[in-house]
Amino acid sequence: MFCKFRNRGKLQGSFRVLSMAGLLTVSALSASAAITGNLNISGTVRVSLSTIDWQNPTGAPNGVFLTIQPGTNYFASIFSTDPFTPYGGRALDLGGGPFAGPVFVPSFMSGFTAPGYSGLFFDLTLLDPSSAPVCTGSEGENQPCRIGTPSPFTLTQKFDQSGNPSVAIDFSIQGFFQDSNLANSRANYKGTYTTQLTDPALDTISEVLTRINGGGFVEASYSGNFSELSAIPEPSTVLFTLTGGLLMLGSAVLRKIRS
């Protein structure tokens, strides 16, 4: 009888330790999701077969962008309502194309000027390759295609209500936002850039292909949207699930002993 009571005491002590570990894990997880929501930016970019050159009005190396509207959640205050003091940041130029696939560019976006965002940066890890067929120049309206293989750029021929042509260009990137002032703030994000070419010299896919493949470049203003990506559970989430399972197992063992 004494032996049974002693084992029961050990199990109860172990259960109490597991319960405390579970509470500590919950506390750690509740403080880890520091960056959530959407970010919207705009700027000007010059693209050739070998470079993505973000433009800078001052002529300085690399490029600048502006936040074009309030973001959500973490990014809610990153937009300035004063048109004379807009908020923005810096973006690193990319060279050595063709572009597509895994890449690592630390602090690809940084230098955010909005108050409270001085520690924010974005590490680029992937230029999403387009899944559209390679462009031939004979694509119909709303028929997407990509420039070369591989390529992150998708081109789509558009026409307005009056029949005027334009070319929509978009591409996507992936990476991680992080704030050096916040612990455990790393968050998986996707950025989608879009632009519309209305220049009469570049308002068809055939004209864009001729310019790019001839060694020239296309320059246009763009808008970009960054949104959260669904991700495989982080190790901390797996640990939380495992701890919860151990707690339930401990409860079952105690009930069996008491019976």
Protein backbone atom coordinates (compact mmCIF):
# COMPACT_ATOMS: atom_id res chain seq x y z
CA MET A 1 0.00 0.00 0.00
CA PHE A 2 2.83 2.41 0.89
CA CYS A 3 4.56 1.68 -2.41
CA LYS A 4 1.43 2.55 -4.33
CA PHE A 5 1.03 5.84 -2.44
CA ARG A 6 4.69 6.77 -3.03
CA ASN A 7 4.42 6.24 -6.81
CA ARG A 8 1.24 8.26 -6.84
CA GLY A 9 3.01 11.15 -5.12
CA LYS A 10 5.77 11.08 -7.72
CA LEU A 11 3.26 11.15 -10.55
CA GLN A 12 1.36 14.02 -8.98
CA GLY A 13 4.61 15.95 -8.61
CA SER A 14 5.47 15.27 -12.24
CA PHE A 15 2.01 16.40 -13.29
CA ARG A 16 2.44 19.69 -11.44
CA VAL A 17 5.79 20.26 -13.21
CA LEU A 18 4.19 19.53 -16.59
CA SER A 19 1.35 21.95 -15.83
CA MET A 20 3.83 24.70 -15.02
CA ALA A 21 5.77 23.98 -18.22
CA GLY A 22 2.54 24.22 -20.19
CA LEU A 23 1.73 27.63 -18.70
CA LEU A 24 5.22 28.90 -19.49
CA THR A 25 4.90 27.72 -23.09
CA VAL A 26 1.57 29.54 -23.51
CA SER A 27 3.13 32.76 -22.21
CA ALA A 28 6.04 32.50 -24.65
CA LEU A 29 3.73 31.88 -27.60
CA SER A 30 1.42 34.79 -26.79
CA ALA A 31 4.35 37.22 -27.15
CA SER A 32 5.80 35.79 -30.37
CA ALA A 33 3.35 37.05 -33.04
CA ALA A 34 4.62 40.65 -33.11
CA ILE A 35 4.31 41.29 -36.88
CA THR A 36 0.93 40.70 -38.54
CA GLY A 37 -1.21 42.53 -41.10
CA ASN A 38 -0.61 44.14 -44.51
CA LEU A 39 1.85 46.74 -45.80
CA ASN A 40 1.29 48.83 -48.97
CA ILE A 41 4.09 50.68 -50.77
CA SER A 42 4.77 52.44 -54.08
CA GLY A 43 7.77 53.61 -56.06
CA THR A 44 9.44 53.47 -59.47
CA VAL A 45 11.46 50.60 -60.89
CA ARG A 46 13.61 50.05 -63.99
CA VAL A 47 13.78 46.43 -65.21
CA SER A 48 16.07 44.78 -67.76
CA LEU A 49 17.04 41.16 -68.37
CA SER A 50 19.81 41.43 -65.77
CA THR A 51 18.72 44.08 -63.25
CA ILE A 52 15.83 45.18 -61.07
CA ASP A 53 16.78 48.77 -60.34
CA TRP A 54 14.61 50.55 -57.76
CA GLN A 55 14.74 54.24 -58.55
CA ASN A 56 15.87 57.00 -56.18
CA PRO A 57 14.93 60.63 -56.98
CA THR A 58 18.17 61.84 -55.34
CA GLY A 59 20.34 59.65 -57.57
CA ALA A 60 21.70 57.73 -54.57
CA PRO A 61 22.52 53.99 -54.91
CA ASN A 62 19.65 51.56 -54.54
CA GLY A 63 16.08 52.76 -54.34
CA VAL A 64 13.40 54.28 -52.17
CA PHE A 65 9.70 53.61 -51.75
CA LEU A 66 6.80 55.28 -49.97
CA THR A 67 3.97 53.81 -47.94
CA ILE A 68 0.83 54.71 -49.89
CA GLN A 69 -1.90 54.01 -47.33
CA PRO A 70 -2.22 52.86 -43.72
CA GLY A 71 -1.34 49.24 -43.17
CA THR A 72 -3.14 46.90 -40.80
CA ASN A 73 -2.23 45.47 -37.39
CA TYR A 74 1.51 45.94 -36.85
CA PHE A 75 1.73 48.21 -39.93
CA ALA A 76 -1.22 50.44 -38.95
CA SER A 77 0.91 53.55 -38.23
CA ILE A 78 3.43 53.25 -41.07
CA PHE A 79 1.64 55.79 -43.30
CA SER A 80 1.92 59.59 -43.00
CA THR A 81 -1.20 61.72 -43.56
CA ASP A 82 1.03 64.75 -44.22
CA PRO A 83 1.82 64.85 -47.98
CA PHE A 84 4.93 66.96 -47.29
CA THR A 85 6.48 64.38 -44.94
CA PRO A 86 5.65 60.95 -46.39
CA TYR A 87 7.00 57.81 -44.76
CA GLY A 88 8.97 55.21 -46.69
CA GLY A 89 12.11 53.12 -46.72
CA ARG A 90 15.01 51.77 -48.80
CA ALA A 91 15.11 48.80 -51.20
CA LEU A 92 18.26 47.09 -52.49
CA ASP A 93 18.76 46.75 -56.26
CA LEU A 94 19.02 43.22 -57.70
CA GLY A 95 21.43 42.25 -60.44
CA GLY A 96 22.80 39.20 -62.18
CA GLY A 97 19.55 37.86 -63.66
CA PRO A 98 17.76 35.81 -64.88
CA PHE A 99 15.57 36.21 -61.84
CA ALA A 100 13.61 33.41 -60.22
CA GLY A 101 14.06 30.90 -57.46
CA PRO A 102 15.77 30.91 -54.06
CA VAL A 103 17.92 33.88 -53.13
CA PHE A 104 19.04 35.48 -49.88
CA VAL A 105 19.27 39.26 -49.67
CA PRO A 106 19.47 40.37 -46.03
CA SER A 107 17.79 43.70 -45.26
CA PHE A 108 16.36 43.86 -48.79
CA MET A 109 13.96 46.44 -47.36
CA SER A 110 15.02 48.59 -44.41
CA GLY A 111 15.46 52.18 -43.25
CA PHE A 112 11.75 52.71 -42.56
CA THR A 113 11.19 56.36 -41.65
CA ALA A 114 7.85 56.02 -39.84
CA PRO A 115 8.22 56.67 -36.09
CA GLY A 116 8.33 53.39 -34.19
CA TYR A 117 9.56 51.33 -37.17
CA SER A 118 13.31 52.02 -37.01
CA GLY A 119 14.10 48.36 -36.33
CA LEU A 120 11.95 46.92 -39.14
CA PHE A 121 13.61 45.08 -42.04
CA PHE A 122 12.74 42.46 -44.67
CA ASP A 123 15.05 39.60 -45.69
CA LEU A 124 14.39 38.41 -49.25
CA THR A 125 14.52 34.61 -49.69
CA LEU A 126 12.63 33.85 -52.92
CA LEU A 127 11.72 35.44 -56.24
CA ASP A 128 8.59 33.49 -57.10
CA PRO A 129 8.91 31.98 -60.59
CA SER A 130 5.92 32.64 -62.82
CA SER A 131 3.85 29.60 -63.79
CA ALA A 132 2.54 31.20 -67.02
CA PRO A 133 3.77 30.01 -70.45
CA VAL A 134 6.67 31.86 -72.07
CA CYS A 135 5.60 34.98 -74.00
CA THR A 136 5.47 34.82 -77.80
CA GLY A 137 4.12 38.32 -78.46
CA SER A 138 0.87 37.02 -79.90
CA GLU A 139 -1.03 36.65 -76.60
CA GLY A 140 -4.66 37.68 -76.49
CA GLU A 141 -6.37 39.89 -73.94
CA ASN A 142 -6.00 38.70 -70.32
CA GLN A 143 -3.74 35.82 -71.43
CA PRO A 144 -0.75 35.89 -69.02
CA CYS A 145 2.76 34.92 -70.08
CA ARG A 146 6.27 35.22 -68.66
CA ILE A 147 9.50 36.76 -69.97
CA GLY A 148 11.92 33.89 -70.51
CA THR A 149 12.70 30.83 -68.41
CA PRO A 150 12.97 31.16 -65.51
CA SER A 151 11.32 34.48 -64.77
CA PRO A 152 9.28 36.00 -61.95
CA PHE A 153 7.64 38.52 -64.30
CA THR A 154 4.12 37.90 -65.61
CA LEU A 155 2.88 40.05 -68.52
CA THR A 156 -0.81 40.42 -69.38
CA GLN A 157 -2.28 42.30 -72.34
CA LYS A 158 -5.08 44.67 -71.34
CA PHE A 159 -7.56 46.93 -73.18
CA ASP A 160 -9.71 49.68 -71.71
CA GLN A 161 -13.33 50.39 -72.67
CA SER A 162 -12.16 52.51 -75.60
CA GLY A 163 -9.91 49.73 -76.90
CA ASN A 164 -6.65 51.40 -75.85
CA PRO A 165 -3.97 48.78 -75.06
CA SER A 166 -1.70 48.50 -72.04
CA VAL A 167 0.51 45.83 -70.52
CA ALA A 168 0.20 44.77 -66.88
CA ILE A 169 3.39 43.45 -65.30
CA ASP A 170 3.51 41.75 -61.92
CA PHE A 171 5.90 39.63 -59.90
CA SER A 172 6.06 38.24 -56.38
CA ILE A 173 8.72 37.76 -53.74
CA GLN A 174 8.86 35.97 -50.40
CA GLY A 175 10.84 36.53 -47.24
CA PHE A 176 10.70 37.49 -43.60
CA PHE A 177 9.80 40.71 -41.83
CA GLN A 178 11.52 41.21 -38.50
CA ASP A 179 11.78 44.04 -35.99
CA SER A 180 15.10 44.19 -34.13
CA ASN A 181 13.35 46.04 -31.31
CA LEU A 182 10.87 43.20 -30.74
CA ALA A 183 11.73 39.71 -29.53
CA ASN A 184 10.52 36.73 -31.60
CA SER A 185 9.06 39.01 -34.27
CA ARG A 186 10.11 37.10 -37.41
CA ALA A 187 7.11 36.62 -39.73
CA ASN A 188 6.77 34.93 -43.13
CA TYR A 189 5.51 37.31 -45.86
CA LYS A 190 4.77 37.51 -49.57
CA GLY A 191 5.13 40.72 -51.56
CA THR A 192 3.30 41.28 -54.85
CA TYR A 193 4.37 44.12 -57.17
CA THR A 194 2.16 45.37 -60.01
CA THR A 195 2.44 48.06 -62.70
CA GLN A 196 0.55 49.11 -65.82
CA LEU A 197 2.46 50.25 -68.93
CA THR A 198 0.48 52.80 -70.93
CA ASP A 199 3.41 54.23 -72.92
CA PRO A 200 2.45 53.99 -76.65
CA ALA A 201 5.91 52.55 -77.31
CA LEU A 202 5.35 49.75 -74.76
CA ASP A 203 1.62 49.10 -74.71
CA THR A 204 1.75 45.60 -76.24
CA ILE A 205 3.56 42.48 -75.06
CA SER A 206 5.39 42.29 -78.39
CA GLU A 207 6.83 45.80 -77.85
CA VAL A 208 7.92 44.97 -74.31
CA LEU A 209 9.66 41.80 -75.49
CA THR A 210 11.47 43.68 -78.26
CA ARG A 211 12.73 46.29 -75.79
CA ILE A 212 13.83 43.83 -73.09
CA ASN A 213 15.37 41.20 -75.38
CA GLY A 214 17.22 43.93 -77.26
CA GLY A 215 19.11 44.89 -74.11
CA GLY A 216 16.89 47.79 -73.14
CA PHE A 217 14.83 48.38 -70.02
CA VAL A 218 11.30 49.17 -68.95
CA GLU A 219 10.72 51.86 -66.33
CA ALA A 220 7.40 52.40 -64.57
CA SER A 221 5.81 53.27 -61.25
CA TYR A 222 4.58 50.32 -59.21
CA SER A 223 2.48 49.45 -56.21
CA GLY A 224 3.37 46.66 -53.83
CA ASN A 225 1.36 44.77 -51.25
CA PHE A 226 2.91 42.62 -48.51
CA SER A 227 0.72 40.07 -46.77
CA GLU A 228 1.26 37.21 -44.35
CA LEU A 229 1.93 33.72 -45.67
CA SER A 230 0.46 30.61 -44.07
CA ALA A 231 3.40 28.62 -42.78
CA ILE A 232 4.24 25.22 -41.30
CA PRO A 233 3.86 25.50 -37.51
CA GLU A 234 6.94 26.92 -35.82
CA PRO A 235 8.84 24.66 -33.38
CA SER A 236 7.25 26.59 -30.49
CA THR A 237 3.78 25.65 -31.79
CA VAL A 238 4.78 22.00 -32.04
CA LEU A 239 6.15 22.19 -28.49
CA PHE A 240 2.86 23.65 -27.29
CA THR A 241 0.91 20.81 -28.92
CA LEU A 242 3.27 18.21 -27.45
CA THR A 243 3.00 19.78 -23.97
CA GLY A 244 -0.78 19.74 -24.21
CA GLY A 245 -0.67 16.03 -25.08
CA LEU A 246 1.59 15.30 -22.11
CA LEU A 247 -0.79 17.17 -19.80
CA MET A 248 -3.73 15.09 -20.98
CA LEU A 249 -1.68 11.92 -20.57
CA GLY A 250 -0.76 12.98 -17.01
CA SER A 251 -4.43 13.54 -16.18
CA ALA A 252 -5.35 10.11 -17.51
CA VAL A 253 -2.62 8.43 -15.43
CA LEU A 254 -3.76 10.20 -12.27
CA ARG A 255 -7.37 9.18 -12.83
CA LYS A 256 -6.26 5.55 -13.25
CA ILE A 257 -4.24 5.65 -10.01
CA ARG A 258 -7.07 7.22 -8.04
CA SER A 259 -9.45 4.54 -9.22
